[in-house]
Amino acid sequence: DPNLFNFCRGLNSLDRWIVMCEFRAMTMHWLSMR
């Protein structure tokens, strides 16, 4: 949610999502193994 961050609130909608983007090839996942 980019709107949670002060830096994003003054940006246009597209820029807010570009700020948050992690530029991944697909939806990623991790394994947390305890």
PDB file of all heavy atoms in Angstrom:
ATOM      1  N   ASP A   1       0.853  -1.191   0.000  1.00  0.00           N
ATOM      2  CA  ASP A   1       0.000   0.000   0.000  1.00  0.00           C
ATOM      3  C   ASP A   1       0.886   1.237   0.000  1.00  0.00           C
ATOM      4  O   ASP A   1       1.381   1.656   1.050  1.00  0.00           O
ATOM      5  CB  ASP A   1      -0.922   0.005   1.221  1.00  0.00           C
ATOM      6  CG  ASP A   1      -1.894   1.182   1.200  1.00  0.00           C
ATOM      7  OD1 ASP A   1      -1.783   2.023   0.290  1.00  0.00           O
ATOM      8  OD2 ASP A   1      -2.743   1.249   2.104  1.00  0.00           O
ATOM      9  N   PRO A   2       1.123   1.831  -1.166  1.00  0.00           N
ATOM     10  CA  PRO A   2       2.013   2.990  -1.227  1.00  0.00           C
ATOM     11  C   PRO A   2       1.491   4.192  -0.450  1.00  0.00           C
ATOM     12  O   PRO A   2       2.267   5.072  -0.061  1.00  0.00           O
ATOM     13  CB  PRO A   2       2.108   3.291  -2.723  1.00  0.00           C
ATOM     14  CG  PRO A   2       0.871   2.704  -3.308  1.00  0.00           C
ATOM     15  CD  PRO A   2       0.576   1.484  -2.492  1.00  0.00           C
ATOM     16  N   ASN A   3       0.187   4.229  -0.212  1.00  0.00           N
ATOM     17  CA  ASN A   3      -0.387   5.383   0.464  1.00  0.00           C
ATOM     18  C   ASN A   3      -0.048   5.451   1.951  1.00  0.00           C
ATOM     19  O   ASN A   3      -0.365   6.432   2.621  1.00  0.00           O
ATOM     20  CB  ASN A   3      -1.908   5.386   0.275  1.00  0.00           C
ATOM     21  CG  ASN A   3      -2.284   5.535  -1.190  1.00  0.00           C
ATOM     22  OD1 ASN A   3      -1.694   6.337  -1.909  1.00  0.00           O
ATOM     23  ND2 ASN A   3      -3.242   4.739  -1.641  1.00  0.00           N
ATOM     24  N   LEU A   4       0.609   4.411   2.468  1.00  0.00           N
ATOM     25  CA  LEU A   4       1.029   4.423   3.863  1.00  0.00           C
ATOM     26  C   LEU A   4       2.294   5.250   4.082  1.00  0.00           C
ATOM     27  O   LEU A   4       2.665   5.513   5.227  1.00  0.00           O
ATOM     28  CB  LEU A   4       1.279   2.991   4.347  1.00  0.00           C
ATOM     29  CG  LEU A   4       0.066   2.055   4.389  1.00  0.00           C
ATOM     30  CD1 LEU A   4       0.520   0.656   4.797  1.00  0.00           C
ATOM     31  CD2 LEU A   4      -0.985   2.582   5.352  1.00  0.00           C
ATOM     32  N   PHE A   5       2.938   5.669   3.002  1.00  0.00           N
ATOM     33  CA  PHE A   5       4.241   6.309   3.110  1.00  0.00           C
ATOM     34  C   PHE A   5       4.180   7.768   2.686  1.00  0.00           C
ATOM     35  O   PHE A   5       3.651   8.095   1.617  1.00  0.00           O
ATOM     36  CB  PHE A   5       5.261   5.553   2.244  1.00  0.00           C
ATOM     37  CG  PHE A   5       5.368   4.101   2.627  1.00  0.00           C
ATOM     38  CD1 PHE A   5       4.563   3.148   2.011  1.00  0.00           C
ATOM     39  CD2 PHE A   5       6.245   3.710   3.609  1.00  0.00           C
ATOM     40  CE1 PHE A   5       4.648   1.823   2.369  1.00  0.00           C
ATOM     41  CE2 PHE A   5       6.332   2.373   3.978  1.00  0.00           C
ATOM     42  CZ  PHE A   5       5.531   1.437   3.368  1.00  0.00           C
ATOM     43  N   ASN A   6       4.719   8.630   3.527  1.00  0.00           N
ATOM     44  CA  ASN A   6       4.701  10.069   3.247  1.00  0.00           C
ATOM     45  C   ASN A   6       5.347  10.386   1.906  1.00  0.00           C
ATOM     46  O   ASN A   6       4.862  11.253   1.166  1.00  0.00           O
ATOM     47  CB  ASN A   6       5.414  10.836   4.359  1.00  0.00           C
ATOM     48  CG  ASN A   6       4.639  10.832   5.657  1.00  0.00           C
ATOM     49  OD1 ASN A   6       3.404  10.748   5.653  1.00  0.00           O
ATOM     50  ND2 ASN A   6       5.341  10.927   6.774  1.00  0.00           N
ATOM     51  N   PHE A   7       6.438   9.681   1.578  1.00  0.00           N
ATOM     52  CA  PHE A   7       7.139   9.949   0.323  1.00  0.00           C
ATOM     53  C   PHE A   7       6.228   9.745  -0.876  1.00  0.00           C
ATOM     54  O   PHE A   7       6.323  10.470  -1.878  1.00  0.00           O
ATOM     55  CB  PHE A   7       8.368   9.049   0.215  1.00  0.00           C
ATOM     56  CG  PHE A   7       9.101   9.167  -1.098  1.00  0.00           C
ATOM     57  CD1 PHE A   7       9.820  10.317  -1.417  1.00  0.00           C
ATOM     58  CD2 PHE A   7       9.085   8.130  -2.017  1.00  0.00           C
ATOM     59  CE1 PHE A   7      10.497  10.426  -2.625  1.00  0.00           C
ATOM     60  CE2 PHE A   7       9.758   8.225  -3.224  1.00  0.00           C
ATOM     61  CZ  PHE A   7      10.458   9.380  -3.528  1.00  0.00           C
ATOM     62  N   CYS A   8       5.316   8.777  -0.792  1.00  0.00           N
ATOM     63  CA  CYS A   8       4.462   8.433  -1.927  1.00  0.00           C
ATOM     64  C   CYS A   8       3.256   9.354  -2.076  1.00  0.00           C
ATOM     65  O   CYS A   8       2.692   9.465  -3.175  1.00  0.00           O
ATOM     66  CB  CYS A   8       3.966   6.993  -1.795  1.00  0.00           C
ATOM     67  SG  CYS A   8       5.262   5.748  -1.936  1.00  0.00           S
ATOM     68  N   ARG A   9       2.849   9.985  -0.999  1.00  0.00           N
ATOM     69  CA  ARG A   9       1.575  10.707  -1.033  1.00  0.00           C
ATOM     70  C   ARG A   9       1.583  11.891  -1.984  1.00  0.00           C
ATOM     71  O   ARG A   9       0.534  12.292  -2.480  1.00  0.00           O
ATOM     72  CB  ARG A   9       1.209  11.160   0.383  1.00  0.00           C
ATOM     73  CG  ARG A   9       0.793   9.985   1.261  1.00  0.00           C
ATOM     74  CD  ARG A   9       0.517  10.394   2.678  1.00  0.00           C
ATOM     75  NE  ARG A   9       0.271   9.222   3.516  1.00  0.00           N
ATOM     76  CZ  ARG A   9       0.536   9.146   4.793  1.00  0.00           C
ATOM     77  NH1 ARG A   9       1.071  10.199   5.411  1.00  0.00           N
ATOM     78  NH2 ARG A   9       0.281   8.051   5.473  1.00  0.00           N
ATOM     79  N   GLY A  10       2.743  12.425  -2.267  1.00  0.00           N
ATOM     80  CA  GLY A  10       2.807  13.554  -3.184  1.00  0.00           C
ATOM     81  C   GLY A  10       3.058  13.156  -4.623  1.00  0.00           C
ATOM     82  O   GLY A  10       3.200  14.020  -5.498  1.00  0.00           O
ATOM     83  N   LEU A  11       3.082  11.833  -4.887  1.00  0.00           N
ATOM     84  CA  LEU A  11       3.370  11.341  -6.226  1.00  0.00           C
ATOM     85  C   LEU A  11       2.085  10.974  -6.955  1.00  0.00           C
ATOM     86  O   LEU A  11       1.063  10.687  -6.330  1.00  0.00           O
ATOM     87  CB  LEU A  11       4.272  10.096  -6.141  1.00  0.00           C
ATOM     88  CG  LEU A  11       5.612  10.266  -5.426  1.00  0.00           C
ATOM     89  CD1 LEU A  11       6.321   8.921  -5.331  1.00  0.00           C
ATOM     90  CD2 LEU A  11       6.497  11.287  -6.122  1.00  0.00           C
ATOM     91  N   ASN A  12       2.151  10.951  -8.278  1.00  0.00           N
ATOM     92  CA  ASN A  12       0.976  10.502  -9.032  1.00  0.00           C
ATOM     93  C   ASN A  12       0.792   9.000  -8.867  1.00  0.00           C
ATOM     94  O   ASN A  12       1.675   8.292  -8.356  1.00  0.00           O
ATOM     95  CB  ASN A  12       1.076  10.913 -10.504  1.00  0.00           C
ATOM     96  CG  ASN A  12       2.238  10.228 -11.221  1.00  0.00           C
ATOM     97  OD1 ASN A  12       2.371   9.013 -11.196  1.00  0.00           O
ATOM     98  ND2 ASN A  12       3.087  11.036 -11.879  1.00  0.00           N
ATOM     99  N   SER A  13      -0.327   8.475  -9.306  1.00  0.00           N
ATOM    100  CA  SER A  13      -0.670   7.074  -9.063  1.00  0.00           C
ATOM    101  C   SER A  13       0.362   6.106  -9.643  1.00  0.00           C
ATOM    102  O   SER A  13       0.751   5.128  -8.994  1.00  0.00           O
ATOM    103  CB  SER A  13      -2.051   6.768  -9.642  1.00  0.00           C
ATOM    104  OG  SER A  13      -3.054   7.474  -8.957  1.00  0.00           O
ATOM    105  N   LEU A  14       0.799   6.379 -10.874  1.00  0.00           N
ATOM    106  CA  LEU A  14       1.752   5.485 -11.509  1.00  0.00           C
ATOM    107  C   LEU A  14       3.075   5.466 -10.751  1.00  0.00           C
ATOM    108  O   LEU A  14       3.651   4.405 -10.492  1.00  0.00           O
ATOM    109  CB  LEU A  14       1.978   5.892 -12.962  1.00  0.00           C
ATOM    110  CG  LEU A  14       2.947   5.018 -13.763  1.00  0.00           C
ATOM    111  CD1 LEU A  14       2.476   3.564 -13.779  1.00  0.00           C
ATOM    112  CD2 LEU A  14       3.081   5.550 -15.191  1.00  0.00           C
ATOM    113  N   ASP A  15       3.563   6.646 -10.371  1.00  0.00           N
ATOM    114  CA  ASP A  15       4.821   6.720  -9.630  1.00  0.00           C
ATOM    115  C   ASP A  15       4.725   6.002  -8.288  1.00  0.00           C
ATOM    116  O   ASP A  15       5.693   5.379  -7.838  1.00  0.00           O
ATOM    117  CB  ASP A  15       5.222   8.185  -9.407  1.00  0.00           C
ATOM    118  CG  ASP A  15       5.902   8.801 -10.613  1.00  0.00           C
ATOM    119  OD1 ASP A  15       6.239   8.053 -11.548  1.00  0.00           O
ATOM    120  OD2 ASP A  15       6.095  10.033 -10.623  1.00  0.00           O
ATOM    121  N   ARG A  16       3.574   6.063  -7.642  1.00  0.00           N
ATOM    122  CA  ARG A  16       3.424   5.378  -6.354  1.00  0.00           C
ATOM    123  C   ARG A  16       3.624   3.883  -6.511  1.00  0.00           C
ATOM    124  O   ARG A  16       4.252   3.234  -5.670  1.00  0.00           O
ATOM    125  CB  ARG A  16       2.050   5.682  -5.751  1.00  0.00           C
ATOM    126  CG  ARG A  16       1.900   7.101  -5.230  1.00  0.00           C
ATOM    127  CD  ARG A  16       0.760   7.236  -4.233  1.00  0.00           C
ATOM    128  NE  ARG A  16      -0.540   6.910  -4.790  1.00  0.00           N
ATOM    129  CZ  ARG A  16      -1.322   7.783  -5.429  1.00  0.00           C
ATOM    130  NH1 ARG A  16      -0.913   9.030  -5.595  1.00  0.00           N
ATOM    131  NH2 ARG A  16      -2.502   7.411  -5.901  1.00  0.00           N
ATOM    132  N   TRP A  17       3.099   3.317  -7.587  1.00  0.00           N
ATOM    133  CA  TRP A  17       3.261   1.881  -7.806  1.00  0.00           C
ATOM    134  C   TRP A  17       4.667   1.534  -8.276  1.00  0.00           C
ATOM    135  O   TRP A  17       5.191   0.459  -7.954  1.00  0.00           O
ATOM    136  CB  TRP A  17       2.206   1.371  -8.782  1.00  0.00           C
ATOM    137  CG  TRP A  17       0.841   1.426  -8.176  1.00  0.00           C
ATOM    138  CD1 TRP A  17      -0.203   2.229  -8.535  1.00  0.00           C
ATOM    139  CD2 TRP A  17       0.388   0.676  -7.043  1.00  0.00           C
ATOM    140  NE1 TRP A  17      -1.288   2.026  -7.713  1.00  0.00           N
ATOM    141  CE2 TRP A  17      -0.954   1.077  -6.777  1.00  0.00           C
ATOM    142  CE3 TRP A  17       0.958  -0.292  -6.220  1.00  0.00           C
ATOM    143  CZ2 TRP A  17      -1.713   0.536  -5.742  1.00  0.00           C
ATOM    144  CZ3 TRP A  17       0.209  -0.826  -5.192  1.00  0.00           C
ATOM    145  CH2 TRP A  17      -1.107  -0.416  -4.956  1.00  0.00           C
ATOM    146  N   ILE A  18       5.303   2.417  -9.020  1.00  0.00           N
ATOM    147  CA  ILE A  18       6.690   2.183  -9.425  1.00  0.00           C
ATOM    148  C   ILE A  18       7.599   2.179  -8.202  1.00  0.00           C
ATOM    149  O   ILE A  18       8.545   1.385  -8.115  1.00  0.00           O
ATOM    150  CB  ILE A  18       7.137   3.241 -10.465  1.00  0.00           C
ATOM    151  CG1 ILE A  18       6.419   3.001 -11.793  1.00  0.00           C
ATOM    152  CG2 ILE A  18       8.652   3.199 -10.668  1.00  0.00           C
ATOM    153  CD1 ILE A  18       6.697   4.046 -12.845  1.00  0.00           C
ATOM    154  N   VAL A  19       7.309   3.035  -7.226  1.00  0.00           N
ATOM    155  CA  VAL A  19       8.083   3.052  -5.987  1.00  0.00           C
ATOM    156  C   VAL A  19       8.019   1.696  -5.278  1.00  0.00           C
ATOM    157  O   VAL A  19       9.018   1.173  -4.785  1.00  0.00           O
ATOM    158  CB  VAL A  19       7.578   4.169  -5.045  1.00  0.00           C
ATOM    159  CG1 VAL A  19       8.122   3.977  -3.634  1.00  0.00           C
ATOM    160  CG2 VAL A  19       7.977   5.538  -5.576  1.00  0.00           C
ATOM    161  N   MET A  20       6.849   1.097  -5.248  1.00  0.00           N
ATOM    162  CA  MET A  20       6.644  -0.159  -4.523  1.00  0.00           C
ATOM    163  C   MET A  20       7.128  -1.390  -5.287  1.00  0.00           C
ATOM    164  O   MET A  20       7.352  -2.444  -4.710  1.00  0.00           O
ATOM    165  CB  MET A  20       5.152  -0.350  -4.220  1.00  0.00           C
ATOM    166  CG  MET A  20       4.558   0.638  -3.241  1.00  0.00           C
ATOM    167  SD  MET A  20       5.084   0.334  -1.522  1.00  0.00           S
ATOM    168  CE  MET A  20       6.232   1.716  -1.306  1.00  0.00           C
ATOM    169  N   CYS A  21       7.293  -1.268  -6.597  1.00  0.00           N
ATOM    170  CA  CYS A  21       7.595  -2.428  -7.440  1.00  0.00           C
ATOM    171  C   CYS A  21       8.951  -3.048  -7.086  1.00  0.00           C
ATOM    172  O   CYS A  21       9.934  -2.336  -6.876  1.00  0.00           O
ATOM    173  CB  CYS A  21       7.592  -1.999  -8.910  1.00  0.00           C
ATOM    174  SG  CYS A  21       7.874  -3.345 -10.066  1.00  0.00           S
ATOM    175  N   GLU A  22       8.992  -4.392  -7.033  1.00  0.00           N
ATOM    176  CA  GLU A  22      10.249  -5.095  -6.810  1.00  0.00           C
ATOM    177  C   GLU A  22      10.764  -5.753  -8.094  1.00  0.00           C
ATOM    178  O   GLU A  22      11.731  -6.513  -8.069  1.00  0.00           O
ATOM    179  CB  GLU A  22      10.100  -6.116  -5.679  1.00  0.00           C
ATOM    180  CG  GLU A  22       9.877  -5.430  -4.340  1.00  0.00           C
ATOM    181  CD  GLU A  22       9.855  -6.385  -3.152  1.00  0.00           C
ATOM    182  OE1 GLU A  22      10.030  -7.613  -3.346  1.00  0.00           O
ATOM    183  OE2 GLU A  22       9.641  -5.900  -2.021  1.00  0.00           O
ATOM    184  N   PHE A  23      10.093  -5.478  -9.224  1.00  0.00           N
ATOM    185  CA  PHE A  23      10.559  -5.880 -10.549  1.00  0.00           C
ATOM    186  C   PHE A  23      10.902  -7.373 -10.612  1.00  0.00           C
ATOM    187  O   PHE A  23      11.981  -7.768 -11.038  1.00  0.00           O
ATOM    188  CB  PHE A  23      11.757  -5.021 -10.978  1.00  0.00           C
ATOM    189  CG  PHE A  23      11.403  -3.577 -11.199  1.00  0.00           C
ATOM    190  CD1 PHE A  23      11.527  -2.648 -10.170  1.00  0.00           C
ATOM    191  CD2 PHE A  23      10.907  -3.137 -12.416  1.00  0.00           C
ATOM    192  CE1 PHE A  23      11.178  -1.319 -10.362  1.00  0.00           C
ATOM    193  CE2 PHE A  23      10.552  -1.812 -12.609  1.00  0.00           C
ATOM    194  CZ  PHE A  23      10.688  -0.904 -11.584  1.00  0.00           C
ATOM    195  N   ARG A  24       9.970  -8.201 -10.207  1.00  0.00           N
ATOM    196  CA  ARG A  24      10.175  -9.643 -10.191  1.00  0.00           C
ATOM    197  C   ARG A  24       9.631 -10.286 -11.454  1.00  0.00           C
ATOM    198  O   ARG A  24       8.699  -9.780 -12.070  1.00  0.00           O
ATOM    199  CB  ARG A  24       9.522 -10.248  -8.952  1.00  0.00           C
ATOM    200  CG  ARG A  24      10.144  -9.718  -7.655  1.00  0.00           C
ATOM    201  CD  ARG A  24       9.562 -10.392  -6.445  1.00  0.00           C
ATOM    202  NE  ARG A  24      10.157  -9.880  -5.217  1.00  0.00           N
ATOM    203  CZ  ARG A  24      11.292 -10.324  -4.694  1.00  0.00           C
ATOM    204  NH1 ARG A  24      11.961 -11.295  -5.301  1.00  0.00           N
ATOM    205  NH2 ARG A  24      11.773  -9.813  -3.575  1.00  0.00           N
ATOM    206  N   ALA A  25      10.203 -11.436 -11.806  1.00  0.00           N
ATOM    207  CA  ALA A  25       9.811 -12.142 -13.032  1.00  0.00           C
ATOM    208  C   ALA A  25       8.441 -12.784 -12.903  1.00  0.00           C
ATOM    209  O   ALA A  25       7.761 -13.009 -13.908  1.00  0.00           O
ATOM    210  CB  ALA A  25      10.852 -13.199 -13.372  1.00  0.00           C
ATOM    211  N   MET A  26       8.031 -13.103 -11.683  1.00  0.00           N
ATOM    212  CA  MET A  26       6.735 -13.711 -11.424  1.00  0.00           C
ATOM    213  C   MET A  26       6.444 -13.529  -9.935  1.00  0.00           C
ATOM    214  O   MET A  26       7.270 -12.992  -9.193  1.00  0.00           O
ATOM    215  CB  MET A  26       6.753 -15.201 -11.784  1.00  0.00           C
ATOM    216  CG  MET A  26       7.746 -16.014 -10.986  1.00  0.00           C
ATOM    217  SD  MET A  26       7.746 -17.773 -11.401  1.00  0.00           S
ATOM    218  CE  MET A  26       6.122 -18.258 -10.837  1.00  0.00           C
ATOM    219  N   THR A  27       5.256 -13.949  -9.499  1.00  0.00           N
ATOM    220  CA  THR A  27       4.955 -13.895  -8.081  1.00  0.00           C
ATOM    221  C   THR A  27       5.875 -14.871  -7.354  1.00  0.00           C
ATOM    222  O   THR A  27       5.869 -16.070  -7.624  1.00  0.00           O
ATOM    223  CB  THR A  27       3.487 -14.280  -7.811  1.00  0.00           C
ATOM    224  OG1 THR A  27       2.643 -13.389  -8.539  1.00  0.00           O
ATOM    225  CG2 THR A  27       3.170 -14.170  -6.322  1.00  0.00           C
ATOM    226  N   MET A  28       6.670 -14.341  -6.433  1.00  0.00           N
ATOM    227  CA  MET A  28       7.689 -15.148  -5.774  1.00  0.00           C
ATOM    228  C   MET A  28       7.170 -15.715  -4.459  1.00  0.00           C
ATOM    229  O   MET A  28       6.166 -15.258  -3.909  1.00  0.00           O
ATOM    230  CB  MET A  28       8.935 -14.307  -5.520  1.00  0.00           C
ATOM    231  CG  MET A  28       9.623 -13.820  -6.793  1.00  0.00           C
ATOM    232  SD  MET A  28      10.238 -15.158  -7.839  1.00  0.00           S
ATOM    233  CE  MET A  28      11.530 -15.824  -6.780  1.00  0.00           C
ATOM    234  N   HIS A  29       7.909 -16.708  -3.950  1.00  0.00           N
ATOM    235  CA  HIS A  29       7.608 -17.233  -2.627  1.00  0.00           C
ATOM    236  C   HIS A  29       8.901 -17.673  -1.945  1.00  0.00           C
ATOM    237  O   HIS A  29       9.945 -17.841  -2.586  1.00  0.00           O
ATOM    238  CB  HIS A  29       6.606 -18.385  -2.695  1.00  0.00           C
ATOM    239  CG  HIS A  29       7.146 -19.622  -3.339  1.00  0.00           C
ATOM    240  ND1 HIS A  29       7.079 -19.842  -4.693  1.00  0.00           N
ATOM    241  CD2 HIS A  29       7.765 -20.709  -2.808  1.00  0.00           C
ATOM    242  CE1 HIS A  29       7.629 -21.000  -4.977  1.00  0.00           C
ATOM    243  NE2 HIS A  29       8.060 -21.549  -3.860  1.00  0.00           N
ATOM    244  N   TRP A  30       8.803 -17.813  -0.640  1.00  0.00           N
ATOM    245  CA  TRP A  30       9.928 -18.239   0.187  1.00  0.00           C
ATOM    246  C   TRP A  30       9.493 -19.424   1.038  1.00  0.00           C
ATOM    247  O   TRP A  30       8.304 -19.602   1.314  1.00  0.00           O
ATOM    248  CB  TRP A  30      10.378 -17.116   1.119  1.00  0.00           C
ATOM    249  CG  TRP A  30      10.831 -15.873   0.445  1.00  0.00           C
ATOM    250  CD1 TRP A  30      12.119 -15.483   0.195  1.00  0.00           C
ATOM    251  CD2 TRP A  30      10.008 -14.793  -0.056  1.00  0.00           C
ATOM    252  NE1 TRP A  30      12.157 -14.262  -0.423  1.00  0.00           N
ATOM    253  CE2 TRP A  30      10.869 -13.816  -0.595  1.00  0.00           C
ATOM    254  CE3 TRP A  30       8.625 -14.575  -0.087  1.00  0.00           C
ATOM    255  CZ2 TRP A  30      10.392 -12.635  -1.154  1.00  0.00           C
ATOM    256  CZ3 TRP A  30       8.154 -13.402  -0.654  1.00  0.00           C
ATOM    257  CH2 TRP A  30       9.030 -12.440  -1.188  1.00  0.00           C
ATOM    258  N   LEU A  31      10.458 -20.199   1.491  1.00  0.00           N
ATOM    259  CA  LEU A  31      10.228 -21.207   2.508  1.00  0.00           C
ATOM    260  C   LEU A  31      10.928 -20.769   3.786  1.00  0.00           C
ATOM    261  O   LEU A  31      12.128 -20.459   3.775  1.00  0.00           O
ATOM    262  CB  LEU A  31      10.762 -22.575   2.068  1.00  0.00           C
ATOM    263  CG  LEU A  31      10.095 -23.222   0.846  1.00  0.00           C
ATOM    264  CD1 LEU A  31      10.745 -24.576   0.568  1.00  0.00           C
ATOM    265  CD2 LEU A  31       8.595 -23.368   1.041  1.00  0.00           C
ATOM    266  N   SER A  32      10.164 -20.712   4.854  1.00  0.00           N
ATOM    267  CA  SER A  32      10.721 -20.468   6.180  1.00  0.00           C
ATOM    268  C   SER A  32      10.692 -21.803   6.907  1.00  0.00           C
ATOM    269  O   SER A  32       9.618 -22.339   7.206  1.00  0.00           O
ATOM    270  CB  SER A  32       9.887 -19.420   6.925  1.00  0.00           C
ATOM    271  OG  SER A  32      10.357 -19.271   8.261  1.00  0.00           O
ATOM    272  N   MET A  33      11.872 -22.352   7.170  1.00  0.00           N
ATOM    273  CA  MET A  33      11.976 -23.704   7.708  1.00  0.00           C
ATOM    274  C   MET A  33      12.577 -23.653   9.112  1.00  0.00           C
ATOM    275  O   MET A  33      13.752 -23.318   9.293  1.00  0.00           O
ATOM    276  CB  MET A  33      12.802 -24.576   6.764  1.00  0.00           C
ATOM    277  CG  MET A  33      12.237 -24.570   5.337  1.00  0.00           C
ATOM    278  SD  MET A  33      12.872 -25.863   4.240  1.00  0.00           S
ATOM    279  CE  MET A  33      14.540 -25.262   3.946  1.00  0.00           C
ATOM    280  N   ARG A  34      11.747 -23.963  10.106  1.00  0.00           N
ATOM    281  CA  ARG A  34      12.124 -23.875  11.518  1.00  0.00           C
ATOM    282  C   ARG A  34      12.543 -25.243  12.049  1.00  0.00           C
ATOM    283  O   ARG A  34      11.815 -26.214  11.891  1.00  0.00           O
ATOM    284  CB  ARG A  34      10.936 -23.344  12.343  1.00  0.00           C
ATOM    285  CG  ARG A  34      10.545 -21.923  11.979  1.00  0.00           C
ATOM    286  CD  ARG A  34       9.254 -21.495  12.650  1.00  0.00           C
ATOM    287  NE  ARG A  34       8.084 -22.082  12.010  1.00  0.00           N
ATOM    288  CZ  ARG A  34       7.263 -22.951  12.578  1.00  0.00           C
ATOM    289  NH1 ARG A  34       7.461 -23.345  13.821  1.00  0.00           N
ATOM    290  NH2 ARG A  34       6.214 -23.424  11.921  1.00  0.00           N
TER     291      ARG A  34
END
